[in-house]
Amino acid sequence: MQLQQQQQQQQQQQHQQQHQHQQQQEGQEEEQVGGLVKLVQQQGLQQQQQQQQQREQQQQQLLLLLLLLLLLFGQ
């Protein structure tokens, strides 16, 4: 009788430990996913900024070309 009770207690303890371990793993996975999401968002922002800079540079180059053409043909 006592032996059976001990076995049941051991099984319960093992089950609780497994559950705790699973929760820890899930928590770690959530943290990792959160980190990845942040990284992806940062990369997206950087790309947008780079594209904007490229557009601004292109516009400046076009303006310079137009000015040069005006100067050349204006004379």
N, C-alpha and C. Protein backbone atom coordinates (compact mmCIF):
# COMPACT_ATOMS: atom_id res chain seq x y z
N MET A 1 0.83 -1.21 0.00
CA MET A 1 0.00 0.00 0.00
C MET A 1 0.86 1.25 0.00
N GLN A 2 1.82 1.23 0.92
CA GLN A 2 2.70 2.41 1.03
C GLN A 2 3.56 2.54 -0.23
N LEU A 3 3.98 1.43 -0.77
CA LEU A 3 4.83 1.42 -1.96
C LEU A 3 4.07 2.03 -3.15
N GLN A 4 2.80 1.65 -3.26
CA GLN A 4 1.98 2.19 -4.36
C GLN A 4 1.85 3.71 -4.25
N GLN A 5 1.63 4.19 -3.05
CA GLN A 5 1.52 5.63 -2.83
C GLN A 5 2.81 6.34 -3.23
N GLN A 6 3.93 5.76 -2.85
CA GLN A 6 5.22 6.36 -3.20
C GLN A 6 5.39 6.44 -4.71
N GLN A 7 5.03 5.36 -5.39
CA GLN A 7 5.16 5.35 -6.85
C GLN A 7 4.27 6.44 -7.47
N GLN A 8 3.06 6.56 -6.97
CA GLN A 8 2.15 7.58 -7.49
C GLN A 8 2.73 8.99 -7.28
N GLN A 9 3.27 9.20 -6.09
CA GLN A 9 3.87 10.50 -5.80
C GLN A 9 5.03 10.78 -6.75
N GLN A 10 5.85 9.77 -6.97
CA GLN A 10 6.99 9.95 -7.88
C GLN A 10 6.51 10.30 -9.29
N GLN A 11 5.49 9.60 -9.74
CA GLN A 11 4.96 9.87 -11.08
C GLN A 11 4.42 11.30 -11.17
N GLN A 12 3.73 11.73 -10.13
CA GLN A 12 3.21 13.09 -10.13
C GLN A 12 4.34 14.11 -10.18
N GLN A 13 5.37 13.85 -9.38
CA GLN A 13 6.51 14.77 -9.37
C GLN A 13 7.17 14.83 -10.75
N GLN A 14 7.37 13.68 -11.35
CA GLN A 14 7.97 13.65 -12.68
C GLN A 14 7.12 14.44 -13.67
N HIS A 15 5.83 14.25 -13.59
CA HIS A 15 4.92 14.93 -14.49
C HIS A 15 5.01 16.45 -14.30
N GLN A 16 5.06 16.89 -13.05
CA GLN A 16 5.18 18.32 -12.78
C GLN A 16 6.49 18.87 -13.32
N GLN A 17 7.57 18.12 -13.13
CA GLN A 17 8.87 18.57 -13.63
C GLN A 17 8.85 18.70 -15.15
N GLN A 18 8.27 17.72 -15.81
CA GLN A 18 8.18 17.77 -17.27
C GLN A 18 7.39 19.00 -17.72
N HIS A 19 6.32 19.26 -17.02
CA HIS A 19 5.47 20.40 -17.36
C HIS A 19 6.23 21.71 -17.19
N GLN A 20 6.97 21.82 -16.08
CA GLN A 20 7.76 23.03 -15.85
C GLN A 20 8.79 23.20 -16.95
N HIS A 21 9.43 22.11 -17.32
CA HIS A 21 10.46 22.17 -18.35
C HIS A 21 9.86 22.63 -19.67
N GLN A 22 8.68 22.13 -19.97
CA GLN A 22 8.00 22.51 -21.21
C GLN A 22 7.67 24.00 -21.21
N GLN A 23 7.21 24.49 -20.07
CA GLN A 23 6.89 25.92 -19.97
C GLN A 23 8.14 26.77 -20.17
N GLN A 24 9.24 26.32 -19.59
CA GLN A 24 10.50 27.07 -19.76
C GLN A 24 10.88 27.13 -21.23
N GLN A 25 10.78 25.98 -21.89
CA GLN A 25 11.14 25.93 -23.32
C GLN A 25 10.25 26.86 -24.14
N GLU A 26 8.95 26.82 -23.84
CA GLU A 26 8.03 27.67 -24.58
C GLU A 26 8.35 29.14 -24.36
N GLY A 27 8.72 29.49 -23.13
CA GLY A 27 9.10 30.87 -22.83
C GLY A 27 10.32 31.29 -23.62
N GLN A 28 11.30 30.40 -23.70
CA GLN A 28 12.53 30.70 -24.46
C GLN A 28 12.21 30.87 -25.93
N GLU A 29 11.35 29.99 -26.44
CA GLU A 29 10.99 30.07 -27.86
C GLU A 29 10.30 31.40 -28.16
N GLU A 30 9.41 31.81 -27.26
CA GLU A 30 8.71 33.09 -27.46
C GLU A 30 9.70 34.25 -27.49
N GLU A 31 10.69 34.18 -26.59
CA GLU A 31 11.72 35.25 -26.57
C GLU A 31 12.48 35.27 -27.87
N GLN A 32 12.84 34.08 -28.37
CA GLN A 32 13.59 34.00 -29.62
C GLN A 32 12.77 34.56 -30.77
N VAL A 33 11.50 34.18 -30.82
CA VAL A 33 10.63 34.67 -31.89
C VAL A 33 10.49 36.20 -31.80
N GLY A 34 10.33 36.70 -30.57
CA GLY A 34 10.24 38.14 -30.37
C GLY A 34 11.49 38.84 -30.89
N GLY A 35 12.65 38.26 -30.61
CA GLY A 35 13.91 38.83 -31.09
C GLY A 35 13.99 38.85 -32.60
N LEU A 36 13.54 37.76 -33.20
CA LEU A 36 13.56 37.67 -34.66
C LEU A 36 12.65 38.72 -35.28
N VAL A 37 11.48 38.87 -34.71
CA VAL A 37 10.52 39.87 -35.22
C VAL A 37 11.15 41.26 -35.18
N LYS A 38 11.82 41.57 -34.05
CA LYS A 38 12.47 42.88 -33.93
C LYS A 38 13.52 43.06 -35.01
N LEU A 39 14.32 42.01 -35.22
CA LEU A 39 15.37 42.08 -36.24
C LEU A 39 14.78 42.36 -37.62
N VAL A 40 13.75 41.61 -37.95
CA VAL A 40 13.11 41.77 -39.26
C VAL A 40 12.55 43.19 -39.42
N GLN A 41 11.94 43.70 -38.35
CA GLN A 41 11.40 45.06 -38.41
C GLN A 41 12.51 46.07 -38.63
N GLN A 42 13.64 45.89 -37.92
CA GLN A 42 14.76 46.82 -38.07
C GLN A 42 15.30 46.78 -39.49
N GLN A 43 15.43 45.56 -40.04
CA GLN A 43 15.93 45.44 -41.40
C GLN A 43 15.00 46.13 -42.39
N GLY A 44 13.70 45.96 -42.16
CA GLY A 44 12.71 46.60 -43.03
C GLY A 44 12.85 48.11 -42.99
N LEU A 45 13.04 48.66 -41.79
CA LEU A 45 13.21 50.10 -41.63
C LEU A 45 14.47 50.57 -42.35
N GLN A 46 15.55 49.81 -42.18
CA GLN A 46 16.82 50.19 -42.84
C GLN A 46 16.65 50.22 -44.35
N GLN A 47 15.95 49.21 -44.87
CA GLN A 47 15.73 49.17 -46.32
C GLN A 47 14.94 50.38 -46.79
N GLN A 48 13.91 50.73 -46.05
CA GLN A 48 13.10 51.90 -46.41
C GLN A 48 13.95 53.16 -46.42
N GLN A 49 14.78 53.30 -45.40
CA GLN A 49 15.64 54.48 -45.30
C GLN A 49 16.61 54.53 -46.48
N GLN A 50 17.19 53.37 -46.80
CA GLN A 50 18.15 53.31 -47.92
C GLN A 50 17.46 53.69 -49.23
N GLN A 51 16.25 53.15 -49.44
CA GLN A 51 15.51 53.46 -50.67
C GLN A 51 15.21 54.95 -50.76
N GLN A 52 14.85 55.54 -49.63
CA GLN A 52 14.55 56.96 -49.61
C GLN A 52 15.80 57.77 -49.96
N GLN A 53 16.93 57.37 -49.37
CA GLN A 53 18.19 58.07 -49.65
C GLN A 53 18.54 57.96 -51.13
N GLN A 54 18.33 56.76 -51.70
CA GLN A 54 18.63 56.57 -53.12
C GLN A 54 17.76 57.49 -53.98
N ARG A 55 16.48 57.57 -53.63
CA ARG A 55 15.57 58.44 -54.39
C ARG A 55 16.02 59.89 -54.31
N GLU A 56 16.39 60.33 -53.11
CA GLU A 56 16.83 61.71 -52.93
C GLU A 56 18.08 61.97 -53.75
N GLN A 57 19.01 61.00 -53.75
CA GLN A 57 20.24 61.17 -54.54
C GLN A 57 19.92 61.27 -56.03
N GLN A 58 19.01 60.41 -56.48
CA GLN A 58 18.63 60.44 -57.90
C GLN A 58 18.01 61.79 -58.27
N GLN A 59 17.16 62.30 -57.40
CA GLN A 59 16.54 63.60 -57.67
C GLN A 59 17.60 64.70 -57.74
N GLN A 60 18.56 64.65 -56.83
CA GLN A 60 19.63 65.66 -56.82
C GLN A 60 20.44 65.57 -58.11
N GLN A 61 20.73 64.33 -58.54
CA GLN A 61 21.51 64.16 -59.77
C GLN A 61 20.75 64.71 -60.97
N LEU A 62 19.44 64.45 -61.00
CA LEU A 62 18.62 64.97 -62.10
C LEU A 62 18.63 66.50 -62.12
N LEU A 63 18.51 67.09 -60.94
CA LEU A 63 18.53 68.56 -60.85
C LEU A 63 19.87 69.09 -61.35
N LEU A 64 20.95 68.45 -60.95
CA LEU A 64 22.27 68.89 -61.40
C LEU A 64 22.39 68.81 -62.91
N LEU A 65 21.90 67.69 -63.48
CA LEU A 65 21.93 67.53 -64.93
C LEU A 65 21.15 68.65 -65.62
N LEU A 66 19.96 68.90 -65.11
CA LEU A 66 19.12 69.96 -65.70
C LEU A 66 19.84 71.30 -65.64
N LEU A 67 20.45 71.60 -64.50
CA LEU A 67 21.17 72.87 -64.35
C LEU A 67 22.31 72.95 -65.35
N LEU A 68 23.05 71.85 -65.48
CA LEU A 68 24.17 71.84 -66.43
C LEU A 68 23.67 72.07 -67.84
N LEU A 69 22.59 71.38 -68.21
CA LEU A 69 22.03 71.54 -69.55
C LEU A 69 21.58 72.98 -69.79
N LEU A 70 20.92 73.54 -68.78
CA LEU A 70 20.46 74.93 -68.90
C LEU A 70 21.64 75.87 -69.10
N LEU A 71 22.70 75.62 -68.31
CA LEU A 71 23.88 76.48 -68.41
C LEU A 71 24.50 76.36 -69.81
N LEU A 72 24.61 75.12 -70.28
CA LEU A 72 25.24 74.89 -71.59
C LEU A 72 24.44 75.53 -72.71
N PHE A 73 23.13 75.31 -72.70
CA PHE A 73 22.31 75.81 -73.80
C PHE A 73 21.93 77.27 -73.61
N GLY A 74 22.05 77.74 -72.41
CA GLY A 74 21.68 79.13 -72.15
C GLY A 74 22.65 80.10 -72.79
N GLN A 75 23.89 79.63 -73.01
CA GLN A 75 24.89 80.57 -73.53
C GLN A 75 24.73 80.87 -75.00
